[in-house]
Amino acid sequence: MENSIINSNPTLRDLNFDIHQLNTDKYIETAKNVKLYVKDYGKGKPVILIHGWPLSNEMWEYQIDFLVKNNYRVIAYDRRGFGKSSQPWDGYDYDTLSDDLSEIIEQLELENVTLVGFSMGGGEVIRYFSRHQGKGIAKVALISSIIPFLLKTEDNPEGRPKEKTEATAASIHEDRIGFLDNFGKIFFGVNIINKPLSTPLLEYYRDLCSAASPRATLQCAESLNTTDFRDELHTIKVPTLIIHGTDDKNVPIEVSSEKTAKAIKDNTFIVYEGAPHGLFYTEKDKLNKDLLEFLDS
């Protein structure tokens, strides 16, 4: 449709207008009856932003604007089951989610891509490398990532107890919106003395999470909490940026990024002192600066 619009408009054609300078959004069919909502903004080397659980691409608001202004093409999409994407009953395992990512890369014919995975999105990044050989990827950024393995086991004693994961699922079953309301406060480090964002903005992020299907919310929680990526980290053979906050109560740095930084050879590990899980907002200026420096390097 986009090409036909340009070809039929002599003004755009005469100006030799590049479609990627337009602010465009679209749906990409990644599997039968599954269409993902995709934003594709700007012009330059492509950067794919993968959102966390249980948010949607809108969490990247401040990063999209910043990166486009700094001459990068930014692609941000809603994972299946979230935001404006299709909400199928199944397909919330990391194999399927990484296949969705692969389809986006293939159909947009992207090369020399930087993948940026936040929290749960780090899993898609790693699985894309182990399952799709990292095709087309030049760099990786893992932000507040759940990588490599969150579940407590005999060989992962620092992990999250299974009982806690089960309690979370029960809370979502009982009162999903109430759970999300409390979850957001922990996510951004809100307490009696610390209010890093306004109440309306906190409620906005809660509403973004509420748009996800209940099934996807539960299934993806299971995937991010129980998938073991430890044996896949060696597949990352591109420059990698790792950023994590020391006050992350959702994904403690000790069980996640500290271990990842030891396993991926070519990495830059930046620790944000006192930052919570949702540092894409609370530390947005610093995060944008560090991301741009990494992209430009």
C-alpha atoms as a PDB file:
ATOM      1  CA  MET A   1       0.000   0.000   0.000  1.00  0.00           C
ATOM      2  CA  GLU A   2       2.799   2.404   0.886  1.00  0.00           C
ATOM      3  CA  ASN A   3       4.523   2.002  -2.489  1.00  0.00           C
ATOM      4  CA  SER A   4       1.288   2.522  -4.391  1.00  0.00           C
ATOM      5  CA  ILE A   5       0.633   5.708  -2.459  1.00  0.00           C
ATOM      6  CA  ILE A   6       4.059   7.090  -3.275  1.00  0.00           C
ATOM      7  CA  ASN A   7       3.934   6.113  -6.947  1.00  0.00           C
ATOM      8  CA  SER A   8       0.560   7.764  -7.394  1.00  0.00           C
ATOM      9  CA  ASN A   9       1.676  11.006  -5.772  1.00  0.00           C
ATOM     10  CA  PRO A  10       3.962  13.015  -8.063  1.00  0.00           C
ATOM     11  CA  THR A  11       4.889  15.453  -5.307  1.00  0.00           C
ATOM     12  CA  LEU A  12       6.466  12.757  -3.138  1.00  0.00           C
ATOM     13  CA  ARG A  13       8.051  11.039  -6.134  1.00  0.00           C
ATOM     14  CA  ASP A  14       9.547  14.251  -7.454  1.00  0.00           C
ATOM     15  CA  LEU A  15      11.056  14.953  -4.057  1.00  0.00           C
ATOM     16  CA  ASN A  16      12.651  11.468  -4.056  1.00  0.00           C
ATOM     17  CA  PHE A  17      11.041  10.973  -0.660  1.00  0.00           C
ATOM     18  CA  ASP A  18      12.276   8.014   1.389  1.00  0.00           C
ATOM     19  CA  ILE A  19       9.434   6.000   2.901  1.00  0.00           C
ATOM     20  CA  HIS A  20      11.414   5.452   6.114  1.00  0.00           C
ATOM     21  CA  GLN A  21      11.368   9.186   6.825  1.00  0.00           C
ATOM     22  CA  LEU A  22       7.623   8.852   7.298  1.00  0.00           C
ATOM     23  CA  ASN A  23       6.173   8.003  10.660  1.00  0.00           C
ATOM     24  CA  THR A  24       4.578   4.683   9.768  1.00  0.00           C
ATOM     25  CA  ASP A  25       2.796   1.970  11.635  1.00  0.00           C
ATOM     26  CA  LYS A  26       1.709  -1.320  10.175  1.00  0.00           C
ATOM     27  CA  TYR A  27       0.751  -4.894  10.873  1.00  0.00           C
ATOM     28  CA  ILE A  28       3.074  -7.738   9.960  1.00  0.00           C
ATOM     29  CA  GLU A  29       1.685 -11.260   9.772  1.00  0.00           C
ATOM     30  CA  THR A  30       4.222 -13.525  11.445  1.00  0.00           C
ATOM     31  CA  ALA A  31       2.169 -16.728  11.561  1.00  0.00           C
ATOM     32  CA  LYS A  32      -1.272 -17.907  10.499  1.00  0.00           C
ATOM     33  CA  ASN A  33      -3.848 -15.569  12.039  1.00  0.00           C
ATOM     34  CA  VAL A  34      -1.163 -13.704  13.994  1.00  0.00           C
ATOM     35  CA  LYS A  35      -0.452 -10.088  13.115  1.00  0.00           C
ATOM     36  CA  LEU A  36       1.944  -7.952  15.099  1.00  0.00           C
ATOM     37  CA  TYR A  37       1.584  -4.196  15.393  1.00  0.00           C
ATOM     38  CA  VAL A  38       4.830  -2.534  14.303  1.00  0.00           C
ATOM     39  CA  LYS A  39       6.019   1.066  14.422  1.00  0.00           C
ATOM     40  CA  ASP A  40       8.749   1.917  11.922  1.00  0.00           C
ATOM     41  CA  TYR A  41      10.132   5.421  12.306  1.00  0.00           C
ATOM     42  CA  GLY A  42      13.121   7.356  11.058  1.00  0.00           C
ATOM     43  CA  LYS A  43      16.000   6.741   8.688  1.00  0.00           C
ATOM     44  CA  GLY A  44      19.437   5.189   9.268  1.00  0.00           C
ATOM     45  CA  LYS A  45      20.774   1.990  10.760  1.00  0.00           C
ATOM     46  CA  PRO A  46      17.900  -0.061  12.192  1.00  0.00           C
ATOM     47  CA  VAL A  47      17.298  -0.502  15.903  1.00  0.00           C
ATOM     48  CA  ILE A  48      14.613  -2.947  17.077  1.00  0.00           C
ATOM     49  CA  LEU A  49      13.151  -2.253  20.524  1.00  0.00           C
ATOM     50  CA  ILE A  50      11.575  -5.257  22.277  1.00  0.00           C
ATOM     51  CA  HIS A  51       9.302  -4.366  25.178  1.00  0.00           C
ATOM     52  CA  GLY A  52       9.071  -5.948  28.593  1.00  0.00           C
ATOM     53  CA  TRP A  53       6.294  -7.845  30.362  1.00  0.00           C
ATOM     54  CA  PRO A  54       3.454  -6.978  30.495  1.00  0.00           C
ATOM     55  CA  LEU A  55       3.866  -3.685  28.623  1.00  0.00           C
ATOM     56  CA  SER A  56       3.756  -2.818  24.917  1.00  0.00           C
ATOM     57  CA  ASN A  57       5.864  -0.829  22.483  1.00  0.00           C
ATOM     58  CA  GLU A  58       4.639   2.443  24.024  1.00  0.00           C
ATOM     59  CA  MET A  59       7.063   1.936  26.919  1.00  0.00           C
ATOM     60  CA  TRP A  60       9.810   3.077  24.505  1.00  0.00           C
ATOM     61  CA  GLU A  61       8.267   6.529  23.970  1.00  0.00           C
ATOM     62  CA  TYR A  62      11.301   8.490  25.115  1.00  0.00           C
ATOM     63  CA  GLN A  63      13.835   6.224  23.407  1.00  0.00           C
ATOM     64  CA  ILE A  64      12.021   6.252  20.037  1.00  0.00           C
ATOM     65  CA  ASP A  65      11.925  10.029  19.878  1.00  0.00           C
ATOM     66  CA  PHE A  66      15.556  10.357  20.922  1.00  0.00           C
ATOM     67  CA  LEU A  67      16.961   7.734  18.552  1.00  0.00           C
ATOM     68  CA  VAL A  68      15.027   8.954  15.507  1.00  0.00           C
ATOM     69  CA  LYS A  69      16.302  12.481  16.138  1.00  0.00           C
ATOM     70  CA  ASN A  70      19.819  11.027  16.240  1.00  0.00           C
ATOM     71  CA  ASN A  71      19.479   9.489  12.776  1.00  0.00           C
ATOM     72  CA  TYR A  72      18.476   5.916  13.528  1.00  0.00           C
ATOM     73  CA  ARG A  73      15.625   3.912  12.048  1.00  0.00           C
ATOM     74  CA  VAL A  74      13.614   2.625  14.995  1.00  0.00           C
ATOM     75  CA  ILE A  75      11.310  -0.395  14.853  1.00  0.00           C
ATOM     76  CA  ALA A  76       9.188  -1.066  17.939  1.00  0.00           C
ATOM     77  CA  TYR A  77       6.534  -3.763  17.986  1.00  0.00           C
ATOM     78  CA  ASP A  78       3.951  -5.286  20.282  1.00  0.00           C
ATOM     79  CA  ARG A  79       4.675  -8.893  21.207  1.00  0.00           C
ATOM     80  CA  ARG A  80       1.816 -11.275  20.352  1.00  0.00           C
ATOM     81  CA  GLY A  81      -0.841 -11.043  23.038  1.00  0.00           C
ATOM     82  CA  PHE A  82       0.109  -7.489  24.010  1.00  0.00           C
ATOM     83  CA  GLY A  83      -0.767  -3.977  22.909  1.00  0.00           C
ATOM     84  CA  LYS A  84      -2.413  -3.837  19.491  1.00  0.00           C
ATOM     85  CA  SER A  85      -1.110  -7.185  18.260  1.00  0.00           C
ATOM     86  CA  SER A  86      -3.170 -10.343  17.786  1.00  0.00           C
ATOM     87  CA  GLN A  87      -4.016 -12.256  20.934  1.00  0.00           C
ATOM     88  CA  PRO A  88      -3.840 -15.947  20.021  1.00  0.00           C
ATOM     89  CA  TRP A  89      -4.441 -18.588  22.678  1.00  0.00           C
ATOM     90  CA  ASP A  90      -0.996 -20.171  22.300  1.00  0.00           C
ATOM     91  CA  GLY A  91       2.509 -19.302  21.183  1.00  0.00           C
ATOM     92  CA  TYR A  92       4.009 -17.601  24.229  1.00  0.00           C
ATOM     93  CA  ASP A  93       7.118 -19.767  24.491  1.00  0.00           C
ATOM     94  CA  TYR A  94      10.436 -18.211  23.507  1.00  0.00           C
ATOM     95  CA  ASP A  95      10.840 -20.348  20.380  1.00  0.00           C
ATOM     96  CA  THR A  96       7.643 -18.909  18.940  1.00  0.00           C
ATOM     97  CA  LEU A  97       8.382 -15.389  20.151  1.00  0.00           C
ATOM     98  CA  SER A  98      11.812 -15.445  18.523  1.00  0.00           C
ATOM     99  CA  ASP A  99      10.206 -16.755  15.326  1.00  0.00           C
ATOM    100  CA  ASP A 100       7.936 -13.697  15.383  1.00  0.00           C
ATOM    101  CA  LEU A 101      11.010 -11.478  15.693  1.00  0.00           C
ATOM    102  CA  SER A 102      12.664 -13.313  12.818  1.00  0.00           C
ATOM    103  CA  GLU A 103       9.632 -12.687  10.617  1.00  0.00           C
ATOM    104  CA  ILE A 104       9.759  -8.960  11.326  1.00  0.00           C
ATOM    105  CA  ILE A 105      13.449  -8.828  10.410  1.00  0.00           C
ATOM    106  CA  GLU A 106      12.874 -10.885   7.248  1.00  0.00           C
ATOM    107  CA  GLN A 107       9.801  -9.059   6.022  1.00  0.00           C
ATOM    108  CA  LEU A 108      11.315  -5.617   6.604  1.00  0.00           C
ATOM    109  CA  GLU A 109      14.531  -6.851   4.942  1.00  0.00           C
ATOM    110  CA  LEU A 110      16.658  -5.518   7.783  1.00  0.00           C
ATOM    111  CA  GLU A 111      20.434  -5.802   8.015  1.00  0.00           C
ATOM    112  CA  ASN A 112      23.059  -4.486  10.406  1.00  0.00           C
ATOM    113  CA  VAL A 113      20.435  -4.378  13.164  1.00  0.00           C
ATOM    114  CA  THR A 114      20.876  -3.543  16.835  1.00  0.00           C
ATOM    115  CA  LEU A 115      18.486  -5.573  18.992  1.00  0.00           C
ATOM    116  CA  VAL A 116      17.466  -3.916  22.258  1.00  0.00           C
ATOM    117  CA  GLY A 117      15.653  -6.216  24.674  1.00  0.00           C
ATOM    118  CA  PHE A 118      14.169  -4.922  27.910  1.00  0.00           C
ATOM    119  CA  SER A 119      13.442  -7.396  30.732  1.00  0.00           C
ATOM    120  CA  MET A 120      11.489 -10.261  29.128  1.00  0.00           C
ATOM    121  CA  GLY A 121      12.641  -8.946  25.741  1.00  0.00           C
ATOM    122  CA  GLY A 122      16.146 -10.084  26.535  1.00  0.00           C
ATOM    123  CA  GLY A 123      14.898 -13.641  26.106  1.00  0.00           C
ATOM    124  CA  GLU A 124      13.850 -13.025  22.514  1.00  0.00           C
ATOM    125  CA  VAL A 125      17.273 -11.568  21.819  1.00  0.00           C
ATOM    126  CA  ILE A 126      19.141 -14.605  23.128  1.00  0.00           C
ATOM    127  CA  ARG A 127      16.777 -17.143  21.565  1.00  0.00           C
ATOM    128  CA  TYR A 128      17.010 -15.338  18.210  1.00  0.00           C
ATOM    129  CA  PHE A 129      20.751 -15.969  18.250  1.00  0.00           C
ATOM    130  CA  SER A 130      20.533 -19.610  19.299  1.00  0.00           C
ATOM    131  CA  ARG A 131      17.570 -20.435  17.058  1.00  0.00           C
ATOM    132  CA  HIS A 132      18.111 -18.116  14.067  1.00  0.00           C
ATOM    133  CA  GLN A 133      21.898 -17.715  14.275  1.00  0.00           C
ATOM    134  CA  GLY A 134      21.586 -14.004  14.916  1.00  0.00           C
ATOM    135  CA  LYS A 135      20.957 -13.345  11.228  1.00  0.00           C
ATOM    136  CA  GLY A 136      21.264  -9.659  10.362  1.00  0.00           C
ATOM    137  CA  ILE A 137      22.274  -8.552  13.859  1.00  0.00           C
ATOM    138  CA  ALA A 138      25.305  -6.319  14.402  1.00  0.00           C
ATOM    139  CA  LYS A 139      24.887  -5.386  18.068  1.00  0.00           C
ATOM    140  CA  VAL A 140      22.798  -6.282  21.119  1.00  0.00           C
ATOM    141  CA  ALA A 141      21.621  -4.322  24.146  1.00  0.00           C
ATOM    142  CA  LEU A 142      20.139  -6.052  27.199  1.00  0.00           C
ATOM    143  CA  ILE A 143      18.328  -3.633  29.522  1.00  0.00           C
ATOM    144  CA  SER A 144      17.099  -4.806  32.952  1.00  0.00           C
ATOM    145  CA  SER A 145      17.081  -8.231  31.330  1.00  0.00           C
ATOM    146  CA  ILE A 146      15.782 -11.493  32.797  1.00  0.00           C
ATOM    147  CA  ILE A 147      18.735 -13.306  31.217  1.00  0.00           C
ATOM    148  CA  PRO A 148      20.129 -15.866  31.918  1.00  0.00           C
ATOM    149  CA  PHE A 149      17.787 -17.764  34.317  1.00  0.00           C
ATOM    150  CA  LEU A 150      15.438 -16.538  37.039  1.00  0.00           C
ATOM    151  CA  LEU A 151      14.136 -19.742  38.598  1.00  0.00           C
ATOM    152  CA  LYS A 152      15.699 -21.088  41.765  1.00  0.00           C
ATOM    153  CA  THR A 153      17.126 -24.580  41.244  1.00  0.00           C
ATOM    154  CA  GLU A 154      19.914 -26.633  42.799  1.00  0.00           C
ATOM    155  CA  ASP A 155      22.420 -25.180  40.354  1.00  0.00           C
ATOM    156  CA  ASN A 156      20.860 -21.689  40.469  1.00  0.00           C
ATOM    157  CA  PRO A 157      20.356 -21.095  44.211  1.00  0.00           C
ATOM    158  CA  GLU A 158      20.141 -17.297  43.868  1.00  0.00           C
ATOM    159  CA  GLY A 159      17.042 -17.603  41.672  1.00  0.00           C
ATOM    160  CA  ARG A 160      13.394 -16.920  42.389  1.00  0.00           C
ATOM    161  CA  PRO A 161      11.621 -19.705  44.334  1.00  0.00           C
ATOM    162  CA  LYS A 162       8.971 -21.580  42.374  1.00  0.00           C
ATOM    163  CA  GLU A 163       6.468 -20.777  45.117  1.00  0.00           C
ATOM    164  CA  LYS A 164       6.871 -17.047  44.455  1.00  0.00           C
ATOM    165  CA  THR A 165       6.226 -17.543  40.752  1.00  0.00           C
ATOM    166  CA  GLU A 166       3.124 -19.574  41.555  1.00  0.00           C
ATOM    167  CA  ALA A 167       1.919 -16.888  43.971  1.00  0.00           C
ATOM    168  CA  THR A 168       2.292 -14.260  41.240  1.00  0.00           C
ATOM    169  CA  ALA A 169       0.216 -16.366  38.850  1.00  0.00           C
ATOM    170  CA  ALA A 170      -2.456 -16.798  41.511  1.00  0.00           C
ATOM    171  CA  SER A 171      -2.597 -13.041  42.102  1.00  0.00           C
ATOM    172  CA  ILE A 172      -3.009 -12.398  38.376  1.00  0.00           C
ATOM    173  CA  HIS A 173      -5.812 -14.973  38.247  1.00  0.00           C
ATOM    174  CA  GLU A 174      -7.560 -13.438  41.235  1.00  0.00           C
ATOM    175  CA  ASP A 175      -7.342  -9.734  40.320  1.00  0.00           C
ATOM    176  CA  ARG A 176      -5.176  -8.966  37.303  1.00  0.00           C
ATOM    177  CA  ILE A 177      -5.682  -5.196  37.346  1.00  0.00           C
ATOM    178  CA  GLY A 178      -5.109  -4.985  41.087  1.00  0.00           C
ATOM    179  CA  PHE A 179      -1.925  -6.996  40.640  1.00  0.00           C
ATOM    180  CA  LEU A 180      -0.746  -4.656  37.872  1.00  0.00           C
ATOM    181  CA  ASP A 181      -1.466  -1.594  40.003  1.00  0.00           C
ATOM    182  CA  ASN A 182       0.837  -2.838  42.766  1.00  0.00           C
ATOM    183  CA  PHE A 183       3.355  -4.280  40.302  1.00  0.00           C
ATOM    184  CA  GLY A 184       3.858  -0.868  38.697  1.00  0.00           C
ATOM    185  CA  LYS A 185       4.875   0.718  42.002  1.00  0.00           C
ATOM    186  CA  ILE A 186       7.568  -1.921  42.553  1.00  0.00           C
ATOM    187  CA  PHE A 187       8.565  -1.722  38.876  1.00  0.00           C
ATOM    188  CA  PHE A 188       9.369   2.001  39.103  1.00  0.00           C
ATOM    189  CA  GLY A 189      10.582   2.042  42.706  1.00  0.00           C
ATOM    190  CA  VAL A 190       7.651   4.047  44.047  1.00  0.00           C
ATOM    191  CA  ASN A 191       7.363   4.279  47.825  1.00  0.00           C
ATOM    192  CA  ILE A 192       6.488   6.793  50.549  1.00  0.00           C
ATOM    193  CA  ILE A 193       9.637   8.872  50.035  1.00  0.00           C
ATOM    194  CA  ASN A 194      10.461   8.114  46.405  1.00  0.00           C
ATOM    195  CA  LYS A 195       8.060   9.084  43.601  1.00  0.00           C
ATOM    196  CA  PRO A 196      10.052   9.086  40.345  1.00  0.00           C
ATOM    197  CA  LEU A 197       6.956   9.534  38.177  1.00  0.00           C
ATOM    198  CA  SER A 198       3.564  11.189  38.464  1.00  0.00           C
ATOM    199  CA  THR A 199       0.455   9.293  39.491  1.00  0.00           C
ATOM    200  CA  PRO A 200      -1.180   9.830  36.071  1.00  0.00           C
ATOM    201  CA  LEU A 201       1.890   8.430  34.324  1.00  0.00           C
ATOM    202  CA  LEU A 202       1.986   5.441  36.659  1.00  0.00           C
ATOM    203  CA  GLU A 203      -1.668   4.811  35.865  1.00  0.00           C
ATOM    204  CA  TYR A 204      -0.932   5.145  32.139  1.00  0.00           C
ATOM    205  CA  TYR A 205       1.672   2.384  32.322  1.00  0.00           C
ATOM    206  CA  ARG A 206      -0.782   0.239  34.286  1.00  0.00           C
ATOM    207  CA  ASP A 207      -3.344   0.747  31.538  1.00  0.00           C
ATOM    208  CA  LEU A 208      -0.808  -0.316  28.890  1.00  0.00           C
ATOM    209  CA  CYS A 209      -0.297  -3.524  30.830  1.00  0.00           C
ATOM    210  CA  SER A 210      -4.047  -3.990  31.208  1.00  0.00           C
ATOM    211  CA  ALA A 211      -4.438  -4.096  27.405  1.00  0.00           C
ATOM    212  CA  ALA A 212      -2.600  -7.432  27.248  1.00  0.00           C
ATOM    213  CA  SER A 213      -4.700 -10.569  27.094  1.00  0.00           C
ATOM    214  CA  PRO A 214      -5.002 -12.383  30.435  1.00  0.00           C
ATOM    215  CA  ARG A 215      -3.785 -15.582  28.778  1.00  0.00           C
ATOM    216  CA  ALA A 216      -0.683 -13.886  27.308  1.00  0.00           C
ATOM    217  CA  THR A 217       0.054 -12.218  30.640  1.00  0.00           C
ATOM    218  CA  LEU A 218       0.104 -15.548  32.452  1.00  0.00           C
ATOM    219  CA  GLN A 219       1.828 -17.578  29.755  1.00  0.00           C
ATOM    220  CA  CYS A 220       4.609 -15.030  29.249  1.00  0.00           C
ATOM    221  CA  ALA A 221       5.121 -14.781  33.006  1.00  0.00           C
ATOM    222  CA  GLU A 222       5.690 -18.527  32.985  1.00  0.00           C
ATOM    223  CA  SER A 223       8.123 -18.283  30.065  1.00  0.00           C
ATOM    224  CA  LEU A 224      10.224 -15.479  31.482  1.00  0.00           C
ATOM    225  CA  ASN A 225      10.396 -17.048  34.928  1.00  0.00           C
ATOM    226  CA  THR A 226      11.267 -20.613  33.907  1.00  0.00           C
ATOM    227  CA  THR A 227      13.242 -20.492  30.650  1.00  0.00           C
ATOM    228  CA  ASP A 228      16.911 -21.312  31.109  1.00  0.00           C
ATOM    229  CA  PHE A 229      19.155 -19.408  28.665  1.00  0.00           C
ATOM    230  CA  ARG A 230      22.473 -20.221  30.313  1.00  0.00           C
ATOM    231  CA  ASP A 231      23.602 -22.625  27.607  1.00  0.00           C
ATOM    232  CA  GLU A 232      22.689 -20.132  24.874  1.00  0.00           C
ATOM    233  CA  LEU A 233      24.741 -17.133  25.959  1.00  0.00           C
ATOM    234  CA  HIS A 234      27.774 -18.366  24.008  1.00  0.00           C
ATOM    235  CA  THR A 235      25.839 -17.785  20.777  1.00  0.00           C
ATOM    236  CA  ILE A 236      26.103 -14.006  21.264  1.00  0.00           C
ATOM    237  CA  LYS A 237      29.196 -13.089  19.301  1.00  0.00           C
ATOM    238  CA  VAL A 238      28.484  -9.399  18.625  1.00  0.00           C
ATOM    239  CA  PRO A 239      29.203  -6.311  20.768  1.00  0.00           C
ATOM    240  CA  THR A 240      26.748  -6.301  23.657  1.00  0.00           C
ATOM    241  CA  LEU A 241      25.628  -3.543  25.992  1.00  0.00           C
ATOM    242  CA  ILE A 242      24.270  -4.658  29.381  1.00  0.00           C
ATOM    243  CA  ILE A 243      22.512  -2.157  31.653  1.00  0.00           C
ATOM    244  CA  HIS A 244      20.884  -2.925  34.993  1.00  0.00           C
ATOM    245  CA  GLY A 245      19.889  -1.075  38.157  1.00  0.00           C
ATOM    246  CA  THR A 246      21.080  -2.053  41.616  1.00  0.00           C
ATOM    247  CA  ASP A 247      17.640  -1.445  43.154  1.00  0.00           C
ATOM    248  CA  ASP A 248      15.772  -3.679  40.721  1.00  0.00           C
ATOM    249  CA  LYS A 249      13.241  -5.570  42.841  1.00  0.00           C
ATOM    250  CA  ASN A 250      11.626  -7.353  39.881  1.00  0.00           C
ATOM    251  CA  VAL A 251      14.789  -8.807  38.349  1.00  0.00           C
ATOM    252  CA  PRO A 252      17.653  -8.570  40.864  1.00  0.00           C
ATOM    253  CA  ILE A 253      20.949  -7.746  39.199  1.00  0.00           C
ATOM    254  CA  GLU A 254      22.776 -10.517  41.088  1.00  0.00           C
ATOM    255  CA  VAL A 255      20.809 -13.320  39.429  1.00  0.00           C
ATOM    256  CA  SER A 256      20.641 -11.710  36.004  1.00  0.00           C
ATOM    257  CA  SER A 257      22.952  -9.164  34.405  1.00  0.00           C
ATOM    258  CA  GLU A 258      25.935  -9.811  36.660  1.00  0.00           C
ATOM    259  CA  LYS A 259      25.960 -13.410  35.446  1.00  0.00           C
ATOM    260  CA  THR A 260      25.297 -12.413  31.844  1.00  0.00           C
ATOM    261  CA  ALA A 261      28.236 -10.027  31.846  1.00  0.00           C
ATOM    262  CA  LYS A 262      30.517 -12.872  32.885  1.00  0.00           C
ATOM    263  CA  ALA A 263      29.239 -15.148  30.113  1.00  0.00           C
ATOM    264  CA  ILE A 264      29.211 -12.843  27.073  1.00  0.00           C
ATOM    265  CA  LYS A 265      32.767 -11.989  26.076  1.00  0.00           C
ATOM    266  CA  ASP A 266      32.394  -8.776  24.089  1.00  0.00           C
ATOM    267  CA  ASN A 267      30.268  -6.712  26.441  1.00  0.00           C
ATOM    268  CA  THR A 268      30.022  -3.328  28.089  1.00  0.00           C
ATOM    269  CA  PHE A 269      28.347  -3.642  31.493  1.00  0.00           C
ATOM    270  CA  ILE A 270      26.918  -0.432  32.967  1.00  0.00           C
ATOM    271  CA  VAL A 271      25.409  -0.480  36.445  1.00  0.00           C
ATOM    272  CA  TYR A 272      22.899   2.207  37.425  1.00  0.00           C
ATOM    273  CA  GLU A 273      23.234   2.733  41.153  1.00  0.00           C
ATOM    274  CA  GLY A 274      19.871   2.882  42.915  1.00  0.00           C
ATOM    275  CA  ALA A 275      17.856   2.420  39.714  1.00  0.00           C
ATOM    276  CA  PRO A 276      14.681   0.278  39.712  1.00  0.00           C
ATOM    277  CA  HIS A 277      13.526  -2.137  37.020  1.00  0.00           C
ATOM    278  CA  GLY A 278      11.696   0.509  34.987  1.00  0.00           C
ATOM    279  CA  LEU A 279      14.788   2.580  34.285  1.00  0.00           C
ATOM    280  CA  PHE A 280      13.669   3.231  30.702  1.00  0.00           C
ATOM    281  CA  TYR A 281      11.684   6.055  32.325  1.00  0.00           C
ATOM    282  CA  THR A 282      13.324   6.780  35.684  1.00  0.00           C
ATOM    283  CA  GLU A 283      16.806   6.999  34.109  1.00  0.00           C
ATOM    284  CA  LYS A 284      15.691   7.858  30.574  1.00  0.00           C
ATOM    285  CA  ASP A 285      18.263  10.588  29.900  1.00  0.00           C
ATOM    286  CA  LYS A 286      21.176   8.461  31.062  1.00  0.00           C
ATOM    287  CA  LEU A 287      19.850   5.401  29.241  1.00  0.00           C
ATOM    288  CA  ASN A 288      19.422   7.354  26.006  1.00  0.00           C
ATOM    289  CA  LYS A 289      22.965   8.708  26.270  1.00  0.00           C
ATOM    290  CA  ASP A 290      24.444   5.273  26.921  1.00  0.00           C
ATOM    291  CA  LEU A 291      22.427   3.664  24.130  1.00  0.00           C
ATOM    292  CA  LEU A 292      23.460   6.313  21.617  1.00  0.00           C
ATOM    293  CA  GLU A 293      27.122   6.058  22.596  1.00  0.00           C
ATOM    294  CA  PHE A 294      26.930   2.285  22.095  1.00  0.00           C
ATOM    295  CA  LEU A 295      25.128   2.598  18.753  1.00  0.00           C
ATOM    296  CA  ASP A 296      27.620   5.173  17.484  1.00  0.00           C
ATOM    297  CA  SER A 297      30.674   3.228  18.607  1.00  0.00           C
END
